[in-house]
Protein backbone atom coordinates (compact mmCIF):
# COMPACT_ATOMS: atom_id res chain seq x y z
CA UNK A 1 -0.02 0.00 -0.06
CA UNK A 2 1.23 3.07 -0.90
CA UNK A 3 -0.93 5.24 0.76
CA UNK A 4 -0.44 5.50 4.52
CA UNK A 5 -3.74 5.79 6.49
CA UNK A 6 -4.92 9.66 7.95
CA UNK A 7 -5.66 10.02 10.72
CA UNK A 8 -5.14 13.40 10.71
CA UNK A 9 -9.03 14.46 10.12
CA UNK A 10 -9.39 13.32 7.00
CA UNK A 11 -12.93 10.95 7.14
CA UNK A 12 -13.80 6.94 7.19
CA UNK A 13 -16.24 4.77 5.49
CA UNK A 14 -16.11 0.80 6.13
CA UNK A 15 -17.99 -0.57 3.34
CA UNK A 16 -19.57 -3.20 5.11
CA UNK A 17 -19.14 -1.54 9.20
CA UNK A 18 -21.23 -4.05 10.54
CA UNK A 19 -18.98 -6.77 9.69
CA UNK A 20 -17.40 -8.30 13.79
CA UNK A 21 -13.84 -6.80 12.54
CA UNK A 22 -14.70 -3.66 10.73
CA UNK A 23 -17.05 -2.32 13.77
CA UNK A 24 -14.54 -2.80 16.31
CA UNK A 25 -11.85 -0.47 14.33
CA UNK A 26 -14.61 1.80 13.21
CA UNK A 27 -15.87 2.05 17.03
CA UNK A 28 -12.20 2.85 18.41
CA UNK A 29 -11.99 5.62 15.58
CA UNK A 30 -15.70 7.24 16.48
CA UNK A 31 -14.20 7.24 19.81
CA UNK A 32 -11.37 9.50 18.66
CA UNK A 33 -13.79 11.93 17.55
CA UNK A 34 -12.63 11.19 14.06
CA UNK A 35 -16.02 11.07 10.75
CA UNK A 36 -17.30 7.86 10.15
CA UNK A 37 -19.62 6.61 8.55
CA UNK A 38 -20.43 3.18 6.91
CA UNK A 39 -22.62 1.12 4.71
CA UNK A 40 -24.74 -2.24 5.51
CA UNK A 41 -27.20 -3.93 4.47
CA UNK A 42 -29.47 -4.30 7.68
CA UNK A 43 -29.59 -2.53 11.39
CA UNK A 44 -27.71 -4.79 14.55
CA UNK A 45 -27.20 -3.90 18.19
CA UNK A 46 -23.47 -3.34 16.32
CA UNK A 47 -24.63 -0.38 13.55
CA UNK A 48 -27.08 0.71 16.68
CA UNK A 49 -23.75 0.98 18.61
CA UNK A 50 -21.51 3.11 15.95
CA UNK A 51 -24.19 5.32 15.45
CA UNK A 52 -24.23 6.31 19.39
CA UNK A 53 -20.71 7.27 19.24
CA UNK A 54 -20.99 9.27 16.36
CA UNK A 55 -21.38 7.29 12.87
CA UNK A 56 -23.34 7.58 10.43
CA UNK A 57 -24.80 4.14 8.86
CA UNK A 58 -26.21 3.42 5.79
CA UNK A 59 -29.04 0.80 5.16
CA UNK A 60 -28.02 -0.11 1.60
CA UNK A 61 -24.87 -0.22 -0.18
CA UNK A 62 -24.46 2.66 -2.60
CA UNK A 63 -21.99 4.90 -4.45
CA UNK A 64 -24.44 7.86 -2.97
CA UNK A 65 -23.26 7.28 -0.02
CA UNK A 66 -19.38 8.15 -0.29
CA UNK A 67 -20.94 11.46 -0.89
CA UNK A 68 -21.72 12.21 2.73
CA UNK A 69 -18.51 13.82 3.41
CA UNK A 70 -19.17 17.63 2.78
CA UNK A 71 -17.84 20.05 5.55
CA UNK A 72 -20.79 21.10 6.36
CA UNK A 73 -22.43 17.89 7.09
CA UNK A 74 -19.53 17.55 9.24
CA UNK A 75 -20.19 20.33 11.46
CA UNK A 76 -23.82 19.30 11.45
CA UNK A 77 -22.38 15.87 12.97
CA UNK A 78 -21.04 17.63 15.81
CA UNK A 79 -17.19 15.96 14.66
CA UNK A 80 -14.52 16.98 16.96
CA UNK A 81 -12.10 16.29 14.30
CA UNK A 82 -9.55 18.47 15.85
CA UNK A 83 -9.70 15.53 18.71
CA UNK A 84 -7.51 13.40 16.44
CA UNK A 85 -5.18 10.54 18.19
CA UNK A 86 -2.21 12.15 16.70
CA UNK A 87 -3.14 15.38 16.73
CA UNK A 88 -2.92 16.28 13.63
CA UNK A 89 -5.22 18.57 12.14
CA UNK A 90 -7.35 18.93 8.99
CA UNK A 91 -6.44 19.32 6.04
CA UNK A 92 -9.84 20.88 4.57
CA UNK A 93 -8.86 20.40 1.22
CA UNK A 94 -8.85 16.40 1.86
CA UNK A 95 -12.25 15.83 2.97
CA UNK A 96 -12.94 12.50 0.62
CA UNK A 97 -12.99 9.22 2.91
CA UNK A 98 -10.53 6.77 3.42
CA UNK A 99 -12.46 3.78 2.26
CA UNK A 100 -12.04 0.58 4.05
CA UNK A 101 -13.05 -2.65 3.41
CA UNK A 102 -12.43 -6.61 4.58
CA UNK A 103 -12.21 -9.41 2.40
CA UNK A 104 -15.91 -10.17 2.47
CA UNK A 105 -16.58 -7.28 0.28
CA UNK A 106 -16.09 -8.43 -3.09
CA UNK A 107 -15.16 -6.30 -6.25
CA UNK A 108 -17.93 -5.83 -8.08
CA UNK A 109 -19.48 -4.38 -4.65
CA UNK A 110 -21.08 -0.79 -6.47
CA UNK A 111 -19.33 0.87 -3.95
CA UNK A 112 -15.74 -0.15 -3.77
CA UNK A 113 -16.46 -0.18 -7.86
CA UNK A 114 -18.14 3.71 -7.21
CA UNK A 115 -14.64 4.84 -4.98
CA UNK A 116 -12.35 3.11 -7.29
CA UNK A 117 -13.72 5.23 -10.29
CA UNK A 118 -12.90 8.43 -7.98
CA UNK A 119 -9.62 7.34 -6.91
CA UNK A 120 -10.49 8.24 -3.21
CA UNK A 121 -7.71 6.14 -0.85
CA UNK A 122 -8.69 2.32 -0.18
CA UNK A 123 -7.29 0.40 2.79
CA UNK A 124 -8.11 -2.86 3.82
CA UNK A 125 -9.16 -3.52 7.14
CA UNK A 126 -5.70 -5.05 8.32
CA UNK A 127 -4.24 -1.97 6.88
CA UNK A 128 -6.10 0.32 9.01
CA UNK A 129 -5.58 -1.90 12.26
CA UNK A 130 -1.52 -1.82 11.51
CA UNK A 131 -1.69 1.55 11.40
CA UNK A 132 -3.38 1.92 14.88
CA UNK A 133 -1.16 -0.19 16.18
CA UNK A 134 1.64 1.93 15.45
CA UNK A 135 0.29 4.54 18.20
CA UNK A 136 0.41 2.22 21.06
CA UNK A 137 2.22 -0.50 22.58
CA UNK A 138 0.54 -3.32 21.22
CA UNK A 139 -0.57 -6.84 21.95
CA UNK A 140 -1.90 -9.07 19.00
CA UNK A 141 -3.20 -12.01 19.43
CA UNK A 142 -2.76 -14.68 16.77
CA UNK A 143 -4.11 -18.28 16.17
CA UNK A 144 -6.53 -20.27 14.48
CA UNK A 145 -8.44 -21.01 17.47
CA UNK A 146 -8.49 -18.91 20.66
CA UNK A 147 -7.60 -15.56 19.67
CA UNK A 148 -10.92 -13.98 20.57
CA UNK A 149 -11.07 -15.88 24.24
CA UNK A 150 -7.32 -15.23 24.73
CA UNK A 151 -7.38 -11.45 23.59
CA UNK A 152 -10.29 -10.50 25.60
CA UNK A 153 -9.09 -12.59 28.73
CA UNK A 154 -5.60 -10.14 27.72
CA UNK A 155 -7.78 -7.55 27.71
CA UNK A 156 -9.75 -7.55 30.75
CA UNK A 157 -6.42 -8.27 33.03
CA UNK A 158 -5.66 -5.13 31.80
CA UNK A 159 -8.30 -2.38 32.57
CA UNK A 160 -8.60 -4.82 36.43
CA UNK A 161 -4.77 -3.78 36.82
CA UNK A 162 -5.89 0.15 35.90
CA UNK A 163 -4.10 0.05 32.83
CA UNK A 164 -7.15 1.95 30.84
CA UNK A 165 -6.56 0.00 27.49
CA UNK A 166 -7.49 0.08 24.12
CA UNK A 167 -9.19 -2.99 23.33
CA UNK A 168 -10.02 -4.41 19.23
CA UNK A 169 -11.31 -8.16 19.70
CA UNK A 170 -13.61 -10.34 17.17
CA UNK A 171 -16.54 -11.21 19.39
CA UNK A 172 -18.94 -9.51 22.10
CA UNK A 173 -17.67 -8.61 26.00
CA UNK A 174 -20.42 -8.05 28.61
CA UNK A 175 -17.24 -6.18 29.97
CA UNK A 176 -16.69 -2.61 27.97
CA UNK A 177 -20.65 -4.14 26.06
CA UNK A 178 -18.87 -4.89 22.04
CA UNK A 179 -16.24 -5.85 20.61
CA UNK A 180 -14.18 -2.79 20.78
CA UNK A 181 -13.36 -0.70 24.09
CA UNK A 182 -11.49 3.35 24.36
CA UNK A 183 -9.07 3.54 26.56
CA UNK A 184 -6.72 6.55 28.26
CA UNK A 185 -3.79 4.11 28.53
CA UNK A 186 -0.13 3.03 26.13
CA UNK A 187 -1.32 -0.72 25.64
CA UNK A 188 -3.91 -2.18 22.47
CA UNK A 189 -4.63 -4.74 22.84
CA UNK A 190 -6.07 -6.53 19.20
CA UNK A 191 -7.39 -9.83 17.73
CA UNK A 192 -5.28 -10.67 14.55
CA UNK A 193 -6.85 -13.00 12.06
CA UNK A 194 -4.26 -15.40 9.67
CA UNK A 195 -7.88 -16.07 7.63
CA UNK A 196 -6.72 -13.99 4.21
CA UNK A 197 -3.34 -13.37 5.11
CA UNK A 198 -3.05 -10.22 6.09
CA UNK A 199 -1.73 -11.34 9.11
CA UNK A 200 1.79 -10.05 7.83
CA UNK A 201 0.99 -6.34 7.39
CA UNK A 202 1.10 -6.29 11.77
CA UNK A 203 3.89 -5.75 14.06
CA UNK A 204 3.59 -6.02 17.85
CA UNK A 205 4.90 -5.42 21.09
CA UNK A 206 3.69 -8.69 22.35
CA UNK A 207 2.68 -10.86 20.01
CA UNK A 208 0.54 -14.38 20.69
CA UNK A 209 -0.10 -17.11 18.50
CA UNK A 210 -2.17 -19.89 20.47
CA UNK A 211 -1.59 -22.79 17.55
CA UNK A 212 -1.59 -23.43 13.68
CA UNK A 213 -3.69 -25.23 11.82
CA UNK A 214 -5.22 -24.97 8.27
CA UNK A 215 -8.70 -23.47 9.18
CA UNK A 216 -8.99 -21.72 5.42
CA UNK A 217 -8.11 -23.98 2.20
CA UNK A 218 -10.45 -20.69 0.08
CA UNK A 219 -7.22 -18.59 0.99
CA UNK A 220 -4.06 -21.23 1.87
CA UNK A 221 -3.45 -24.58 -0.63
CA UNK A 222 -1.59 -26.12 2.11
CA UNK A 223 -0.46 -25.99 6.15
CA UNK A 224 2.91 -24.92 5.10
CA UNK A 225 1.29 -21.48 4.02
CA UNK A 226 -0.43 -21.11 6.59
CA UNK A 227 2.71 -21.75 8.66
CA UNK A 228 5.28 -19.31 6.85
CA UNK A 229 1.75 -16.57 7.21
CA UNK A 230 2.67 -16.70 10.96
CA UNK A 231 6.44 -16.72 10.71
CA UNK A 232 6.41 -13.63 9.01
CA UNK A 233 4.02 -11.67 11.57
CA UNK A 234 5.95 -13.81 14.50
CA UNK A 235 9.79 -12.04 12.76
CA UNK A 236 7.38 -8.22 13.22
CA UNK A 237 6.92 -9.49 17.02
CA UNK A 238 9.38 -7.47 19.79
CA UNK A 239 7.93 -10.07 21.95
CA UNK A 240 6.92 -13.49 20.95
CA UNK A 241 4.78 -15.54 23.23
CA UNK A 242 3.88 -18.81 21.87
CA UNK A 243 1.83 -22.20 23.13
CA UNK A 244 4.51 -25.36 23.15
CA UNK A 245 1.17 -27.63 23.15
CA UNK A 246 1.04 -27.19 19.03
CA UNK A 247 3.86 -28.97 17.00
CA UNK A 248 3.36 -26.68 14.30
CA UNK A 249 4.95 -23.73 16.97
CA UNK A 250 7.53 -26.40 18.33
CA UNK A 251 9.30 -27.48 14.79
CA UNK A 252 9.24 -24.08 13.25
CA UNK A 253 8.40 -20.95 15.77
CA UNK A 254 11.56 -20.05 18.42
CA UNK A 255 9.39 -18.06 20.29
CA UNK A 256 10.56 -15.30 23.35
CA UNK A 257 8.37 -17.03 25.93
CA UNK A 258 6.67 -20.32 25.87
CA UNK A 259 3.39 -21.98 27.42
CA UNK A 260 1.91 -25.10 27.41
CA UNK A 261 -0.12 -27.64 29.66
CA UNK A 262 2.64 -30.50 29.28
CA UNK A 263 5.43 -29.87 31.95
CA UNK A 264 7.43 -31.61 30.20
CA UNK A 265 7.54 -29.70 27.49
CA UNK A 266 9.82 -27.20 29.85
CA UNK A 267 7.70 -24.06 28.65
CA UNK A 268 8.18 -20.73 31.00
CA UNK A 269 4.40 -21.20 31.90
CA UNK A 270 2.89 -24.30 32.77
CA UNK A 271 0.11 -26.07 35.22
CA UNK A 272 0.14 -29.25 37.08
CA UNK A 273 -2.76 -30.35 39.52
CA UNK A 274 -5.80 -29.98 37.31
CA UNK A 275 -9.01 -30.39 37.48
CA UNK A 276 -11.41 -29.45 35.09
CA UNK A 277 -14.67 -29.62 36.88
CA UNK A 278 -18.63 -28.71 36.31
CA UNK A 279 -18.41 -24.95 37.17
CA UNK A 280 -14.68 -24.61 35.49
CA UNK A 281 -11.12 -25.40 35.93
CA UNK A 282 -8.39 -25.63 38.68
CA UNK A 283 -4.63 -25.02 38.28
CA UNK A 284 -1.69 -24.52 39.98
CA UNK A 285 0.91 -22.43 38.16
CA UNK A 286 3.78 -22.93 37.86
CA UNK A 287 6.66 -19.35 36.21
CA UNK A 288 9.49 -20.68 35.72
CA UNK A 289 9.80 -23.61 37.53
CA UNK A 290 8.56 -21.41 40.08
CA UNK A 291 4.82 -21.87 41.07
CA UNK A 292 2.84 -18.26 41.00
CA UNK A 293 -0.12 -20.23 42.72
CA UNK A 294 -3.25 -22.14 42.69
CA UNK A 295 -6.40 -20.36 40.30
CA UNK A 296 -9.83 -21.06 39.12
CA UNK A 297 -10.88 -20.49 36.09
CA UNK A 298 -14.44 -20.16 34.74
CA UNK A 299 -14.39 -21.10 31.32
CA UNK A 300 -14.13 -24.36 30.55
CA UNK A 301 -12.34 -27.31 29.17
CA UNK A 302 -8.12 -28.03 28.69
CA UNK A 303 -8.78 -25.56 25.68
CA UNK A 304 -10.10 -22.76 27.72
CA UNK A 305 -6.94 -23.45 30.40
CA UNK A 306 -3.95 -23.16 27.16
CA UNK A 307 -5.60 -20.06 27.04
CA UNK A 308 -5.50 -18.50 30.18
CA UNK A 309 -2.00 -19.93 30.75
CA UNK A 310 -0.69 -17.63 27.11
CA UNK A 311 -3.03 -14.08 29.07
CA UNK A 312 -1.02 -15.67 32.13
CA UNK A 313 2.16 -14.84 30.15
CA UNK A 314 1.76 -11.59 28.49
CA UNK A 315 0.04 -9.94 31.93
CA UNK A 316 3.28 -11.30 34.01
CA UNK A 317 5.31 -9.82 30.51
CA UNK A 318 3.37 -6.35 31.95
CA UNK A 319 4.68 -7.21 35.39
CA UNK A 320 1.58 -7.82 37.05
CA UNK A 321 1.20 -8.80 40.33
CA UNK A 322 -0.64 -12.58 40.75
CA UNK A 323 -3.18 -11.45 43.07
CA UNK A 324 -4.54 -8.94 40.64
CA UNK A 325 -4.07 -11.48 37.60
CA UNK A 326 -6.28 -13.87 39.93
CA UNK A 327 -8.67 -12.09 40.21
CA UNK A 328 -9.62 -11.10 36.72
CA UNK A 329 -9.26 -14.69 35.75
CA UNK A 330 -11.57 -15.63 38.51
CA UNK A 331 -14.07 -13.05 36.93
CA UNK A 332 -13.96 -12.86 33.18
CA UNK A 333 -17.22 -14.80 31.94
CA UNK A 334 -15.59 -15.22 28.25
CA UNK A 335 -17.04 -13.53 24.97
CA UNK A 336 -20.29 -13.98 23.34
CA UNK A 337 -21.21 -16.79 21.45
CA UNK A 338 -17.77 -18.50 23.57
CA UNK A 339 -19.86 -20.68 24.82
CA UNK A 340 -22.85 -19.03 25.92
CA UNK A 341 -25.58 -19.51 27.49
CA UNK A 342 -28.53 -17.99 26.09
CA UNK A 343 -31.08 -19.07 27.63
CA UNK A 344 -33.21 -22.44 30.32
CA UNK A 345 -36.47 -23.03 29.51
CA UNK A 346 -37.89 -26.86 30.28
CA UNK A 347 -34.70 -27.65 32.28
CA UNK A 348 -33.13 -27.66 28.72
CA UNK A 349 -29.96 -25.30 28.69
CA UNK A 350 -29.37 -23.46 24.94
CA UNK A 351 -26.06 -22.90 24.56
CA UNK A 352 -24.68 -21.01 21.48
CA UNK A 353 -21.27 -21.47 20.23
CA UNK A 354 -18.74 -19.88 16.79
CA UNK A 355 -16.63 -23.57 16.59
CA UNK A 356 -17.11 -24.16 13.12
CA UNK A 357 -13.77 -26.32 12.94
CA UNK A 358 -13.30 -29.88 13.55
CA UNK A 359 -10.74 -29.18 16.76
CA UNK A 360 -13.27 -26.21 18.19
CA UNK A 361 -15.63 -29.03 17.89
CA UNK A 362 -14.26 -31.77 19.64
CA UNK A 363 -13.30 -29.03 22.27
CA UNK A 364 -16.41 -27.85 22.91
CA UNK A 365 -18.39 -31.29 22.92
CA UNK A 366 -15.63 -31.50 26.05
CA UNK A 367 -17.10 -28.74 27.65
CA UNK A 368 -20.31 -29.11 27.71
CA UNK A 369 -19.55 -33.04 28.85
CA UNK A 370 -18.49 -31.53 32.07
CA UNK A 371 -21.33 -29.24 31.87
CA UNK A 372 -24.13 -32.37 32.19
CA UNK A 373 -24.82 -35.33 34.48
CA UNK A 374 -25.20 -38.53 34.07
CA UNK A 375 -28.02 -39.34 32.51
CA UNK A 376 -28.39 -35.91 30.84
CA UNK A 377 -28.14 -35.22 26.77
CA UNK A 378 -25.19 -33.50 24.76
CA UNK A 379 -27.12 -31.99 21.62
CA UNK A 380 -24.86 -31.03 19.28
CA UNK A 381 -26.76 -29.38 16.35
CA UNK A 382 -24.15 -28.55 13.55
CA UNK A 383 -23.70 -25.96 10.82
CA UNK A 384 -20.92 -26.33 8.43
CA UNK A 385 -19.50 -23.19 7.92
CA UNK A 386 -18.33 -22.69 3.80
CA UNK A 387 -18.21 -25.29 0.64
CA UNK A 388 -14.37 -25.06 1.01
CA UNK A 389 -13.79 -26.15 4.95
CA UNK A 390 -16.44 -28.41 4.84
CA UNK A 391 -15.11 -30.57 2.06
CA UNK A 392 -10.88 -30.09 3.08
CA UNK A 393 -12.22 -31.69 6.46
CA UNK A 394 -14.69 -33.77 6.03
CA UNK A 395 -13.31 -36.85 7.93
CA UNK A 396 -12.10 -35.15 10.37
CA UNK A 397 -16.09 -33.42 11.09
CA UNK A 398 -16.86 -37.09 10.44
CA UNK A 399 -15.11 -38.45 13.80
CA UNK A 400 -15.79 -34.81 16.11
CA UNK A 401 -19.04 -35.68 17.78
CA UNK A 402 -18.10 -38.06 19.91
CA UNK A 403 -18.75 -36.58 22.76
CA UNK A 404 -22.55 -35.93 21.49
CA UNK A 405 -24.61 -38.12 22.47
CA UNK A 406 -27.41 -36.57 19.97
CA UNK A 407 -26.60 -34.93 16.78
CA UNK A 408 -28.49 -32.61 14.34
CA UNK A 409 -26.81 -31.55 10.97
CA UNK A 410 -28.80 -28.40 8.65
CA UNK A 411 -27.23 -27.02 5.36
CA UNK A 412 -23.89 -25.60 4.83
CA UNK A 413 -23.91 -21.22 5.54
CA UNK A 414 -21.95 -20.89 3.04
CA UNK A 415 -20.40 -17.32 3.59
CA UNK A 416 -20.38 -16.09 0.56
CA UNK A 417 -18.89 -19.12 -1.49
CA UNK A 418 -20.16 -20.87 -4.52
CA UNK A 419 -20.93 -24.59 -4.28
CA UNK A 420 -17.80 -25.85 -7.92
CA UNK A 421 -17.51 -28.96 -5.42
CA UNK A 422 -21.51 -30.47 -4.77
CA UNK A 423 -20.46 -31.23 -0.79
CA UNK A 424 -23.52 -30.77 0.97
CA UNK A 425 -25.41 -30.53 4.08
CA UNK A 426 -26.69 -34.46 3.97
CA UNK A 427 -23.13 -35.68 2.78
CA UNK A 428 -22.18 -34.10 6.04
CA UNK A 429 -24.67 -35.97 8.36
CA UNK A 430 -24.34 -39.12 6.32
CA UNK A 431 -20.04 -39.05 7.49
CA UNK A 432 -20.99 -38.36 10.68
CA UNK A 433 -23.34 -40.94 10.34
CA UNK A 434 -20.03 -43.99 9.65
CA UNK A 435 -19.00 -43.13 13.34
CA UNK A 436 -22.10 -41.79 15.36
CA UNK A 437 -25.79 -43.74 16.73
CA UNK A 438 -27.71 -41.34 16.38
CA UNK A 439 -27.58 -37.98 13.52
CA UNK A 440 -30.03 -36.11 11.59
CA UNK A 441 -29.74 -34.11 8.61
CA UNK A 442 -32.25 -31.06 8.31
CA UNK A 443 -32.25 -29.25 5.45
CA UNK A 444 -33.46 -25.55 6.67
CA UNK A 445 -33.26 -23.54 10.21
CA UNK A 446 -37.43 -24.19 10.09
CA UNK A 447 -36.53 -27.35 9.71
CA UNK A 448 -34.09 -27.77 13.09
CA UNK A 449 -36.17 -25.59 15.19
CA UNK A 450 -38.97 -27.83 14.12
CA UNK A 451 -36.87 -31.10 14.74
CA UNK A 452 -36.17 -29.49 18.12
CA UNK A 453 -38.91 -28.60 19.36
CA UNK A 454 -39.80 -32.77 19.06
CA UNK A 455 -37.03 -34.09 20.46
CA UNK A 456 -35.39 -31.83 23.00
CA UNK A 457 -36.01 -33.49 26.64
CA UNK A 458 -35.49 -32.05 29.57
CA UNK A 459 -31.60 -32.07 30.80
CA UNK A 460 -30.57 -31.75 27.41
CA UNK A 461 -27.96 -29.32 27.37
CA UNK A 462 -28.40 -28.28 23.65
CA UNK A 463 -25.49 -26.76 21.82
CA UNK A 464 -25.80 -25.22 18.61
CA UNK A 465 -22.27 -24.79 16.59
CA UNK A 466 -20.83 -22.82 13.86
CA UNK A 467 -20.05 -19.53 12.36
CA UNK A 468 -23.25 -18.83 10.49
CA UNK A 469 -26.96 -17.56 11.24
CA UNK A 470 -27.44 -21.08 12.88
CA UNK A 471 -28.35 -19.33 16.83
CA UNK A 472 -30.95 -16.97 15.36
CA UNK A 473 -32.75 -20.17 16.06
CA UNK A 474 -32.19 -20.09 19.90
CA UNK A 475 -34.53 -17.50 20.22
CA UNK A 476 -37.69 -18.73 18.68
CA UNK A 477 -37.11 -21.91 20.17
CA UNK A 478 -36.80 -19.87 23.34
CA UNK A 479 -40.44 -18.68 22.62
CA UNK A 480 -41.91 -22.12 21.79
CA UNK A 481 -40.93 -23.35 25.11
CA UNK A 482 -42.20 -20.47 27.22
CA UNK A 483 -44.68 -20.29 25.26
CA UNK A 484 -45.95 -23.40 25.38
CA UNK A 485 -48.97 -25.11 28.05
CA UNK A 486 -47.90 -26.34 30.95
């Protein structure tokens, strides 16, 4: 990119502003009193939150949206554009917007095409994040799995330590009522996404890599390509913290600080005396051969204990004391759509989880198993995400549901992909059925709703798995049980 992101008051326009990554960045800019507009196709709680801090939202994606930033309109919006991140003054001859896009925006998008034709500066979301990170002591959390939980926990620990961080994550967190928070402190905690290769643009004071797997075959052709992307990111971090439980990391990386759930690996941070319980996990934590102490983690599962170790390693690097760390961890309840209890009706618990990769599904089902008593069922409702991922990992998907008592599969959520390979939800169901005795298929979300109303029973934990729109079924189901005669 030959142009530089301008934080001196030049407007920003986000195409697809309601996306979880885009909206977090837009929120930070708006809270810094920079002029922000954006377009999306529907009103959500995210777009409403952006409006509440001064962003102008268009519920369409049309070229005319790019014309919003005229000087008079900026004055009407009450933007304090002189109060920018680096205190540059606005150049009033440059009121054309800097256009921000993500990989999700198709090159045929009419707004995008208009911005190209007009010669407006266009930046990828990662360009903006990279530029923003240079304004802070940045902590960037990367990895195939666990990014949102780990970055959210790090941000929460810094809050507990009264360091007043700025936070940009890929999930909504109750502690800051959304996916972003703007603080006055020196630190920025950011989730660093590898899905489209843009991770290579980020350079952090502290980088974290939780694990490395192939998860986005729509972009990467091999695990080697994924590893190379992480290697570039690692080389650009002043301090690299990484997990030795991941084979790719132990073979390909040379972290500054390491962590592992296995004391035999000789990591800087490890645990023993681990107990996975109904209400969370208890473990004794070691730091370079010395006992730090014992802690209780409310979030469930082995994978979340690993995420917590990563956060502890960052916190100790920043000289946080053990009392502050344990207090913060004991109060942290996780991000939304990460084993999020959405409600309980008729003694049936409805849990929403973003897991969409076989490794994530297996780990999440393991956590669910901890939450049920003898005789109670874990019911997994799965919406495959992307045709390319589903086809690439079909064998792994077929074997990752062993902890579920009953599995219900629906059609694949395309996420904008064309189905050129003929993979279907029915084929996924058949593959799982080769290894599981209770697997069912319903092609639509309406069918899923009806099936669950007929088959769920008191004591069930209904676990909704996927990164698409499957969780839209949950409130309808809860309503149907609440309205049912007793």
